[in-house]
Structures are given as C-alpha cells and as structure tokens.
PDB file of N, CA and C in Angstrom:
ATOM      1  N   MET A   1      63.479 -48.986  12.434  1.00  0.00           N
ATOM      2  CA  MET A   1      62.660 -49.180  13.869  1.00  0.00           C
ATOM      3  C   MET A   1      62.550 -47.814  14.664  1.00  0.00           C
ATOM      4  N   LYS A   2      63.719 -47.207  14.804  1.00  0.00           N
ATOM      5  CA  LYS A   2      63.669 -45.936  15.640  1.00  0.00           C
ATOM      6  C   LYS A   2      62.677 -45.089  14.961  1.00  0.00           C
ATOM      7  N   ASP A   3      62.902 -44.688  13.511  1.00  0.00           N
ATOM      8  CA  ASP A   3      61.813 -43.510  13.230  1.00  0.00           C
ATOM      9  C   ASP A   3      60.371 -43.992  13.688  1.00  0.00           C
ATOM     10  N   TYR A   4      60.126 -45.268  13.319  1.00  0.00           N
ATOM     11  CA  TYR A   4      58.814 -45.981  13.519  1.00  0.00           C
ATOM     12  C   TYR A   4      58.393 -45.514  15.213  1.00  0.00           C
ATOM     13  N   ILE A   5      59.229 -45.823  15.837  1.00  0.00           N
ATOM     14  CA  ILE A   5      58.789 -45.234  17.328  1.00  0.00           C
ATOM     15  C   ILE A   5      58.842 -43.861  17.703  1.00  0.00           C
ATOM     16  N   CYS A   6      59.650 -43.417  17.099  1.00  0.00           N
ATOM     17  CA  CYS A   6      59.538 -41.865  17.435  1.00  0.00           C
ATOM     18  C   CYS A   6      57.984 -41.112  16.733  1.00  0.00           C
ATOM     19  N   GLU A   7      57.759 -41.517  15.494  1.00  0.00           N
ATOM     20  CA  GLU A   7      56.539 -41.589  15.043  1.00  0.00           C
ATOM     21  C   GLU A   7      55.189 -41.650  15.455  1.00  0.00           C
ATOM     22  N   ILE A   8      55.173 -42.928  16.283  1.00  0.00           N
ATOM     23  CA  ILE A   8      54.242 -43.731  17.135  1.00  0.00           C
ATOM     24  C   ILE A   8      54.110 -42.683  18.285  1.00  0.00           C
ATOM     25  N   PHE A   9      54.983 -42.503  18.764  1.00  0.00           N
ATOM     26  CA  PHE A   9      55.134 -41.929  20.053  1.00  0.00           C
ATOM     27  C   PHE A   9      54.583 -40.522  20.334  1.00  0.00           C
ATOM     28  N   ALA A  10      55.214 -39.574  19.196  1.00  0.00           N
ATOM     29  CA  ALA A  10      54.858 -38.127  18.666  1.00  0.00           C
ATOM     30  C   ALA A  10      53.200 -38.191  18.548  1.00  0.00           C
ATOM     31  N   GLN A  11      52.478 -39.084  17.718  1.00  0.00           N
ATOM     32  CA  GLN A  11      51.137 -39.014  17.384  1.00  0.00           C
ATOM     33  C   GLN A  11      50.426 -39.118  18.472  1.00  0.00           C
ATOM     34  N   ASN A  12      50.953 -40.113  19.582  1.00  0.00           N
ATOM     35  CA  ASN A  12      49.798 -40.521  20.535  1.00  0.00           C
ATOM     36  C   ASN A  12      50.240 -39.422  21.594  1.00  0.00           C
ATOM     37  N   VAL A  13      51.033 -38.681  21.705  1.00  0.00           N
ATOM     38  CA  VAL A  13      51.314 -37.433  22.857  1.00  0.00           C
ATOM     39  C   VAL A  13      50.647 -36.247  21.861  1.00  0.00           C
ATOM     40  N   GLY A  14      50.586 -36.082  20.491  1.00  0.00           N
ATOM     41  CA  GLY A  14      50.253 -34.841  19.854  1.00  0.00           C
ATOM     42  C   GLY A  14      51.135 -33.412  19.627  1.00  0.00           C
ATOM     43  N   LEU A  15      52.497 -34.113  19.638  1.00  0.00           N
ATOM     44  CA  LEU A  15      53.354 -33.167  19.449  1.00  0.00           C
ATOM     45  C   LEU A  15      54.179 -33.527  18.312  1.00  0.00           C
ATOM     46  N   SER A  16      55.124 -32.818  17.869  1.00  0.00           N
ATOM     47  CA  SER A  16      55.779 -33.117  16.552  1.00  0.00           C
ATOM     48  C   SER A  16      56.800 -33.921  17.070  1.00  0.00           C
ATOM     49  N   ILE A  17      57.549 -34.809  16.133  1.00  0.00           N
ATOM     50  CA  ILE A  17      58.759 -35.321  16.567  1.00  0.00           C
ATOM     51  C   ILE A  17      60.021 -34.398  16.645  1.00  0.00           C
ATOM     52  N   ALA A  18      59.938 -33.557  16.035  1.00  0.00           N
ATOM     53  CA  ALA A  18      60.952 -32.545  16.012  1.00  0.00           C
ATOM     54  C   ALA A  18      61.006 -31.958  17.487  1.00  0.00           C
ATOM     55  N   GLU A  19      60.131 -31.637  17.899  1.00  0.00           N
ATOM     56  CA  GLU A  19      59.899 -31.009  18.994  1.00  0.00           C
ATOM     57  C   GLU A  19      60.024 -31.661  20.705  1.00  0.00           C
ATOM     58  N   ILE A  20      59.816 -33.085  20.215  1.00  0.00           N
ATOM     59  CA  ILE A  20      60.190 -33.982  21.370  1.00  0.00           C
ATOM     60  C   ILE A  20      61.599 -34.603  21.309  1.00  0.00           C
ATOM     61  N   PHE A  21      61.934 -34.944  20.149  1.00  0.00           N
ATOM     62  CA  PHE A  21      63.136 -35.780  20.082  1.00  0.00           C
ATOM     63  C   PHE A  21      64.371 -34.707  19.985  1.00  0.00           C
ATOM     64  N   GLU A  22      63.977 -33.796  18.680  1.00  0.00           N
ATOM     65  CA  GLU A  22      65.535 -32.989  18.884  1.00  0.00           C
ATOM     66  C   GLU A  22      65.935 -31.942  20.128  1.00  0.00           C
ATOM     67  N   ASN A  23      64.864 -31.699  20.854  1.00  0.00           N
ATOM     68  CA  ASN A  23      64.977 -31.013  21.939  1.00  0.00           C
ATOM     69  C   ASN A  23      65.303 -32.011  23.034  1.00  0.00           C
ATOM     70  N   ASP A  24      65.101 -33.191  22.811  1.00  0.00           N
ATOM     71  CA  ASP A  24      65.467 -34.423  24.069  1.00  0.00           C
ATOM     72  C   ASP A  24      64.597 -34.193  25.316  1.00  0.00           C
ATOM     73  N   LEU A  25      63.501 -33.633  25.179  1.00  0.00           N
ATOM     74  CA  LEU A  25      62.337 -33.330  26.494  1.00  0.00           C
ATOM     75  C   LEU A  25      62.356 -34.365  27.381  1.00  0.00           C
ATOM     76  N   THR A  26      62.724 -34.020  28.759  1.00  0.00           N
ATOM     77  CA  THR A  26      62.330 -34.684  29.722  1.00  0.00           C
ATOM     78  C   THR A  26      60.951 -35.444  29.712  1.00  0.00           C
ATOM     79  N   LEU A  27      60.736 -36.434  30.243  1.00  0.00           N
ATOM     80  CA  LEU A  27      59.308 -37.066  30.320  1.00  0.00           C
ATOM     81  C   LEU A  27      58.062 -36.046  31.078  1.00  0.00           C
ATOM     82  N   SER A  28      58.609 -35.281  32.130  1.00  0.00           N
ATOM     83  CA  SER A  28      57.678 -34.213  32.641  1.00  0.00           C
ATOM     84  C   SER A  28      57.599 -33.164  31.665  1.00  0.00           C
ATOM     85  N   ALA A  29      58.642 -32.540  30.832  1.00  0.00           N
ATOM     86  CA  ALA A  29      58.131 -31.673  29.649  1.00  0.00           C
ATOM     87  C   ALA A  29      57.114 -31.927  28.867  1.00  0.00           C
ATOM     88  N   ILE A  30      57.219 -33.392  28.327  1.00  0.00           N
ATOM     89  CA  ILE A  30      56.405 -34.029  27.117  1.00  0.00           C
ATOM     90  C   ILE A  30      54.913 -33.899  27.926  1.00  0.00           C
ATOM     91  N   ILE A  31      54.804 -34.293  29.205  1.00  0.00           N
ATOM     92  CA  ILE A  31      53.527 -34.168  29.862  1.00  0.00           C
ATOM     93  C   ILE A  31      52.939 -32.722  29.785  1.00  0.00           C
ATOM     94  N   ALA A  32      53.862 -31.542  30.298  1.00  0.00           N
ATOM     95  CA  ALA A  32      53.491 -30.323  30.459  1.00  0.00           C
ATOM     96  C   ALA A  32      53.283 -29.850  28.809  1.00  0.00           C
ATOM     97  N   ARG A  33      53.659 -30.121  27.705  1.00  0.00           N
ATOM     98  CA  ARG A  33      53.291 -29.751  26.538  1.00  0.00           C
ATOM     99  C   ARG A  33      52.294 -30.185  26.072  1.00  0.00           C
ATOM    100  N   SER A  34      51.890 -31.407  26.188  1.00  0.00           N
ATOM    101  CA  SER A  34      50.906 -32.131  25.283  1.00  0.00           C
ATOM    102  C   SER A  34      49.608 -31.834  25.951  1.00  0.00           C
ATOM    103  N   ASP A  35      48.779 -31.534  24.860  1.00  0.00           N
ATOM    104  CA  ASP A  35      47.307 -31.474  25.329  1.00  0.00           C
ATOM    105  C   ASP A  35      46.614 -32.888  25.658  1.00  0.00           C
ATOM    106  N   ARG A  36      47.289 -33.987  25.432  1.00  0.00           N
ATOM    107  CA  ARG A  36      46.775 -35.090  25.583  1.00  0.00           C
ATOM    108  C   ARG A  36      47.012 -35.899  26.790  1.00  0.00           C
ATOM    109  N   LEU A  37      47.889 -35.273  27.395  1.00  0.00           N
ATOM    110  CA  LEU A  37      48.777 -36.103  28.416  1.00  0.00           C
ATOM    111  C   LEU A  37      48.116 -35.296  29.794  1.00  0.00           C
ATOM    112  N   HIS A  38      48.053 -35.750  30.967  1.00  0.00           N
ATOM    113  CA  HIS A  38      47.544 -35.174  31.980  1.00  0.00           C
ATOM    114  C   HIS A  38      48.520 -35.423  33.011  1.00  0.00           C
ATOM    115  N   ASN A  39      48.759 -36.799  33.012  1.00  0.00           N
ATOM    116  CA  ASN A  39      49.595 -37.032  34.292  1.00  0.00           C
ATOM    117  C   ASN A  39      50.575 -38.402  33.619  1.00  0.00           C
ATOM    118  N   SER A  40      50.942 -39.078  34.605  1.00  0.00           N
ATOM    119  CA  SER A  40      52.593 -39.966  34.327  1.00  0.00           C
ATOM    120  C   SER A  40      51.515 -41.180  33.629  1.00  0.00           C
ATOM    121  N   ILE A  41      50.383 -41.426  34.336  1.00  0.00           N
ATOM    122  CA  ILE A  41      49.681 -42.678  33.970  1.00  0.00           C
ATOM    123  C   ILE A  41      49.046 -42.972  32.308  1.00  0.00           C
ATOM    124  N   ASP A  42      48.914 -41.491  31.941  1.00  0.00           N
ATOM    125  CA  ASP A  42      48.463 -41.325  30.661  1.00  0.00           C
ATOM    126  C   ASP A  42      49.920 -41.429  29.519  1.00  0.00           C
ATOM    127  N   LEU A  43      51.014 -41.036  30.408  1.00  0.00           N
ATOM    128  CA  LEU A  43      52.205 -41.346  29.711  1.00  0.00           C
ATOM    129  C   LEU A  43      52.682 -43.022  29.566  1.00  0.00           C
ATOM    130  N   MET A  44      52.321 -43.423  30.355  1.00  0.00           N
ATOM    131  CA  MET A  44      52.621 -44.812  30.505  1.00  0.00           C
ATOM    132  C   MET A  44      51.646 -45.609  29.425  1.00  0.00           C
ATOM    133  N   GLU A  45      50.541 -45.181  29.504  1.00  0.00           N
ATOM    134  CA  GLU A  45      49.433 -45.634  28.463  1.00  0.00           C
ATOM    135  C   GLU A  45      49.983 -45.318  26.823  1.00  0.00           C
ATOM    136  N   VAL A  46      50.747 -44.189  26.433  1.00  0.00           N
ATOM    137  CA  VAL A  46      51.729 -43.916  25.501  1.00  0.00           C
ATOM    138  C   VAL A  46      52.685 -44.633  25.083  1.00  0.00           C
ATOM    139  N   PHE A  47      53.272 -45.305  26.097  1.00  0.00           N
ATOM    140  CA  PHE A  47      54.509 -46.039  26.204  1.00  0.00           C
ATOM    141  C   PHE A  47      53.775 -47.563  25.747  1.00  0.00           C
ATOM    142  N   ALA A  48      52.781 -48.070  26.106  1.00  0.00           N
ATOM    143  CA  ALA A  48      52.088 -49.223  26.095  1.00  0.00           C
ATOM    144  C   ALA A  48      51.674 -49.233  24.689  1.00  0.00           C
ATOM    145  N   LYS A  49      50.703 -48.187  24.156  1.00  0.00           N
ATOM    146  CA  LYS A  49      50.528 -48.411  22.501  1.00  0.00           C
ATOM    147  C   LYS A  49      51.656 -48.441  21.771  1.00  0.00           C
ATOM    148  N   THR A  50      52.683 -47.574  22.525  1.00  0.00           N
ATOM    149  CA  THR A  50      54.163 -47.702  21.010  1.00  0.00           C
ATOM    150  C   THR A  50      54.463 -48.930  21.227  1.00  0.00           C
ATOM    151  N   ALA A  51      54.571 -49.523  22.396  1.00  0.00           N
ATOM    152  CA  ALA A  51      55.068 -51.052  22.333  1.00  0.00           C
ATOM    153  C   ALA A  51      54.178 -52.260  21.646  1.00  0.00           C
ATOM    154  N   ASN A  52      52.739 -51.807  21.589  1.00  0.00           N
ATOM    155  CA  ASN A  52      51.840 -52.783  21.039  1.00  0.00           C
ATOM    156  C   ASN A  52      52.176 -52.584  19.427  1.00  0.00           C
ATOM    157  N   MET A  53      52.166 -51.160  19.369  1.00  0.00           N
ATOM    158  CA  MET A  53      52.305 -51.053  17.764  1.00  0.00           C
ATOM    159  C   MET A  53      53.656 -51.772  17.531  1.00  0.00           C
ATOM    160  N   LEU A  54      54.553 -51.605  17.980  1.00  0.00           N
ATOM    161  CA  LEU A  54      56.181 -52.518  17.661  1.00  0.00           C
ATOM    162  C   LEU A  54      55.532 -53.630  17.556  1.00  0.00           C
ATOM    163  N   LYS A  55      54.829 -54.603  18.373  1.00  0.00           N
ATOM    164  CA  LYS A  55      54.637 -55.998  18.453  1.00  0.00           C
ATOM    165  C   LYS A  55      53.842 -56.059  17.196  1.00  0.00           C
ATOM    166  N   LYS A  56      52.751 -55.366  16.353  1.00  0.00           N
ATOM    167  CA  LYS A  56      51.960 -55.555  15.609  1.00  0.00           C
ATOM    168  C   LYS A  56      52.992 -55.196  14.160  1.00  0.00           C
ATOM    169  N   GLN A  57      53.589 -54.234  14.187  1.00  0.00           N
ATOM    170  CA  GLN A  57      54.544 -54.309  12.908  1.00  0.00           C
ATOM    171  C   GLN A  57      55.859 -54.943  12.923  1.00  0.00           C
ATOM    172  N   TYR A  58      56.348 -55.195  13.910  1.00  0.00           N
ATOM    173  CA  TYR A  58      57.730 -55.939  14.033  1.00  0.00           C
ATOM    174  C   TYR A  58      57.635 -57.222  14.437  1.00  0.00           C
ATOM    175  N   GLY A  59      56.905 -57.367  15.333  1.00  0.00           N
ATOM    176  CA  GLY A  59      56.604 -59.175  16.059  1.00  0.00           C
ATOM    177  C   GLY A  59      57.501 -58.833  17.350  1.00  0.00           C
ATOM    178  N   VAL A  60      57.920 -57.895  17.804  1.00  0.00           N
ATOM    179  CA  VAL A  60      58.768 -57.745  18.961  1.00  0.00           C
ATOM    180  C   VAL A  60      58.091 -57.355  20.511  1.00  0.00           C
ATOM    181  N   GLN A  61      57.845 -58.058  21.383  1.00  0.00           N
ATOM    182  CA  GLN A  61      57.480 -57.786  22.827  1.00  0.00           C
ATOM    183  C   GLN A  61      58.379 -56.606  23.318  1.00  0.00           C
ATOM    184  N   ILE A  62      58.130 -55.746  23.637  1.00  0.00           N
ATOM    185  CA  ILE A  62      58.878 -54.879  24.364  1.00  0.00           C
ATOM    186  C   ILE A  62      58.656 -54.344  25.918  1.00  0.00           C
ATOM    187  N   ARG A  63      59.389 -54.974  26.917  1.00  0.00           N
ATOM    188  CA  ARG A  63      59.071 -54.508  28.173  1.00  0.00           C
ATOM    189  C   ARG A  63      60.101 -53.223  28.927  1.00  0.00           C
ATOM    190  N   LEU A  64      59.606 -52.369  29.277  1.00  0.00           N
ATOM    191  CA  LEU A  64      60.041 -51.253  29.694  1.00  0.00           C
ATOM    192  C   LEU A  64      60.231 -51.381  31.322  1.00  0.00           C
ATOM    193  N   PRO A  65      61.540 -50.388  31.706  1.00  0.00           N
ATOM    194  CA  PRO A  65      61.760 -50.283  32.825  1.00  0.00           C
ATOM    195  C   PRO A  65      60.959 -48.942  33.421  1.00  0.00           C
ATOM    196  N   ALA A  66      60.375 -48.825  34.371  1.00  0.00           N
ATOM    197  CA  ALA A  66      60.136 -47.490  34.778  1.00  0.00           C
ATOM    198  C   ALA A  66      61.185 -46.493  34.792  1.00  0.00           C
ATOM    199  N   PHE A  67      60.619 -45.194  34.556  1.00  0.00           N
ATOM    200  CA  PHE A  67      61.397 -44.089  34.284  1.00  0.00           C
ATOM    201  C   PHE A  67      60.885 -43.149  35.026  1.00  0.00           C
ATOM    202  N   SER A  68      61.804 -42.074  35.572  1.00  0.00           N
ATOM    203  CA  SER A  68      61.225 -40.894  36.316  1.00  0.00           C
ATOM    204  C   SER A  68      61.014 -39.820  35.376  1.00  0.00           C
ATOM    205  N   LEU A  69      60.187 -39.150  35.944  1.00  0.00           N
ATOM    206  CA  LEU A  69      59.820 -37.854  34.799  1.00  0.00           C
ATOM    207  C   LEU A  69      60.920 -36.796  34.765  1.00  0.00           C
ATOM    208  N   ASP A  70      62.170 -37.147  35.066  1.00  0.00           N
ATOM    209  CA  ASP A  70      63.165 -35.962  34.904  1.00  0.00           C
ATOM    210  C   ASP A  70      64.346 -36.838  34.013  1.00  0.00           C
ATOM    211  N   THR A  71      63.625 -38.088  33.298  1.00  0.00           N
ATOM    212  CA  THR A  71      64.404 -38.802  32.305  1.00  0.00           C
ATOM    213  C   THR A  71      64.191 -38.020  31.002  1.00  0.00           C
ATOM    214  N   PRO A  72      64.959 -37.974  30.086  1.00  0.00           N
ATOM    215  CA  PRO A  72      64.824 -37.588  28.788  1.00  0.00           C
ATOM    216  C   PRO A  72      64.507 -38.311  27.878  1.00  0.00           C
ATOM    217  N   ILE A  73      63.784 -38.125  26.708  1.00  0.00           N
ATOM    218  CA  ILE A  73      63.014 -38.911  25.676  1.00  0.00           C
ATOM    219  C   ILE A  73      64.329 -39.626  25.299  1.00  0.00           C
ATOM    220  N   SER A  74      65.694 -39.535  24.810  1.00  0.00           N
ATOM    221  CA  SER A  74      66.597 -40.049  24.235  1.00  0.00           C
ATOM    222  C   SER A  74      66.655 -41.326  25.144  1.00  0.00           C
ATOM    223  N   ASP A  75      66.642 -41.575  26.503  1.00  0.00           N
ATOM    224  CA  ASP A  75      66.893 -42.458  27.368  1.00  0.00           C
ATOM    225  C   ASP A  75      65.922 -43.681  26.910  1.00  0.00           C
ATOM    226  N   VAL A  76      64.753 -43.249  26.714  1.00  0.00           N
ATOM    227  CA  VAL A  76      63.386 -43.997  26.768  1.00  0.00           C
ATOM    228  C   VAL A  76      63.739 -44.553  25.252  1.00  0.00           C
ATOM    229  N   LEU A  77      63.822 -43.933  24.641  1.00  0.00           N
ATOM    230  CA  LEU A  77      64.283 -44.357  23.082  1.00  0.00           C
ATOM    231  C   LEU A  77      65.077 -45.505  23.061  1.00  0.00           C
ATOM    232  N   GLU A  78      65.971 -45.258  23.560  1.00  0.00           N
ATOM    233  CA  GLU A  78      67.375 -46.258  23.837  1.00  0.00           C
ATOM    234  C   GLU A  78      66.678 -47.452  24.566  1.00  0.00           C
ATOM    235  N   ALA A  79      66.092 -47.475  25.489  1.00  0.00           N
ATOM    236  CA  ALA A  79      65.530 -48.616  26.210  1.00  0.00           C
ATOM    237  C   ALA A  79      64.653 -49.256  25.345  1.00  0.00           C
ATOM    238  N   PHE A  80      63.908 -48.497  24.765  1.00  0.00           N
ATOM    239  CA  PHE A  80      62.808 -49.428  23.343  1.00  0.00           C
ATOM    240  C   PHE A  80      63.836 -50.087  22.333  1.00  0.00           C
ATOM    241  N   LEU A  81      64.962 -49.542  21.733  1.00  0.00           N
ATOM    242  CA  LEU A  81      65.768 -49.938  20.689  1.00  0.00           C
ATOM    243  C   LEU A  81      66.422 -51.213  21.318  1.00  0.00           C
ATOM    244  N   ASN A  82      66.765 -51.014  22.496  1.00  0.00           N
ATOM    245  CA  ASN A  82      67.965 -52.153  23.266  1.00  0.00           C
ATOM    246  C   ASN A  82      66.682 -53.070  23.469  1.00  0.00           C
ATOM    247  N   GLU A  83      65.614 -53.068  23.927  1.00  0.00           N
ATOM    248  CA  GLU A  83      64.553 -54.198  24.281  1.00  0.00           C
ATOM    249  C   GLU A  83      64.242 -55.007  23.042  1.00  0.00           C
ATOM    250  N   ALA A  84      64.009 -53.999  21.883  1.00  0.00           N
ATOM    251  CA  ALA A  84      63.938 -54.979  20.793  1.00  0.00           C
ATOM    252  C   ALA A  84      65.243 -55.419  20.191  1.00  0.00           C
ATOM    253  N   GLU A  85      66.422 -54.920  20.336  1.00  0.00           N
ATOM    254  CA  GLU A  85      67.287 -55.696  20.045  1.00  0.00           C
ATOM    255  C   GLU A  85      67.573 -57.090  20.817  1.00  0.00           C
ATOM    256  N   LYS A  86      67.218 -57.014  21.976  1.00  0.00           N
ATOM    257  CA  LYS A  86      67.414 -58.450  22.727  1.00  0.00           C
ATOM    258  C   LYS A  86      66.484 -59.414  22.289  1.00  0.00           C
ATOM    259  N   VAL A  87      65.274 -58.761  21.928  1.00  0.00           N
ATOM    260  CA  VAL A  87      64.178 -59.718  21.357  1.00  0.00           C
ATOM    261  C   VAL A  87      64.674 -60.583  19.842  1.00  0.00           C
ATOM    262  N   ASN A  88      65.251 -59.480  19.294  1.00  0.00           N
ATOM    263  CA  ASN A  88      65.461 -59.895  17.873  1.00  0.00           C
ATOM    264  C   ASN A  88      66.831 -61.005  18.222  1.00  0.00           C
ATOM    265  N   THR A  89      67.759 -60.934  18.979  1.00  0.00           N
ATOM    266  CA  THR A  89      69.033 -61.717  19.253  1.00  0.00           C
ATOM    267  C   THR A  89      68.656 -63.022  19.926  1.00  0.00           C
ATOM    268  N   LEU A  90      67.246 -63.095  20.421  1.00  0.00           N
ATOM    269  CA  LEU A  90      66.708 -64.108  21.127  1.00  0.00           C
ATOM    270  C   LEU A  90      66.347 -65.425  20.490  1.00  0.00           C
ATOM    271  N   THR A  91      65.383 -64.834  19.497  1.00  0.00           N
ATOM    272  CA  THR A  91      64.912 -65.403  18.513  1.00  0.00           C
ATOM    273  C   THR A  91      65.552 -66.259  17.167  1.00  0.00           C
TER     274      THR A  91
END
C-alpha cells in the first residue's frame, strides 16, 4: 500500500517518487517544485485524490489531519498508513 500511495501522490503532483520521498520534501517544497500545485488548496486536493484512490483500490476510507506546510512528506505518508491500518483493524 505504501508504494501505491507514493505512486498516486507523485503522479498527481507531477514529480518523481524519488524526488519527493527520497528527499523527504516538506509540503511547501512540494508545492514550490510542482508545476501542478499553486497553493495549499491544490495540495489538499491531491491528498483527497490519493485517499479516493485508496478507497477504490483497497476499500479503506482515509481521514487525514491538517498538516502545516513545514511537515515532511514522510509524516504525511505515515499518517496515510496509520489511518489505513486503523481501518483494517476495525473491520
């Protein structure tokens, strides 16, 4: 699931998986490097798209907390995975 999340997120922001996740970019750095993102609202839409794809692919509904723009992407990825694990243990 981790690889799937990374792939979907990277596709939606228009950056490579390596650039985003190997460098553990902050959310503000992702916005700055992406030609598709202009502000935090665009980034929230990418999170929503990623969550929707997880629901379609794995049947899990993800609810993410709010993140500040200085949050590293590894923290966001961890939140996605924790939420998915929570959902799986509840069912």
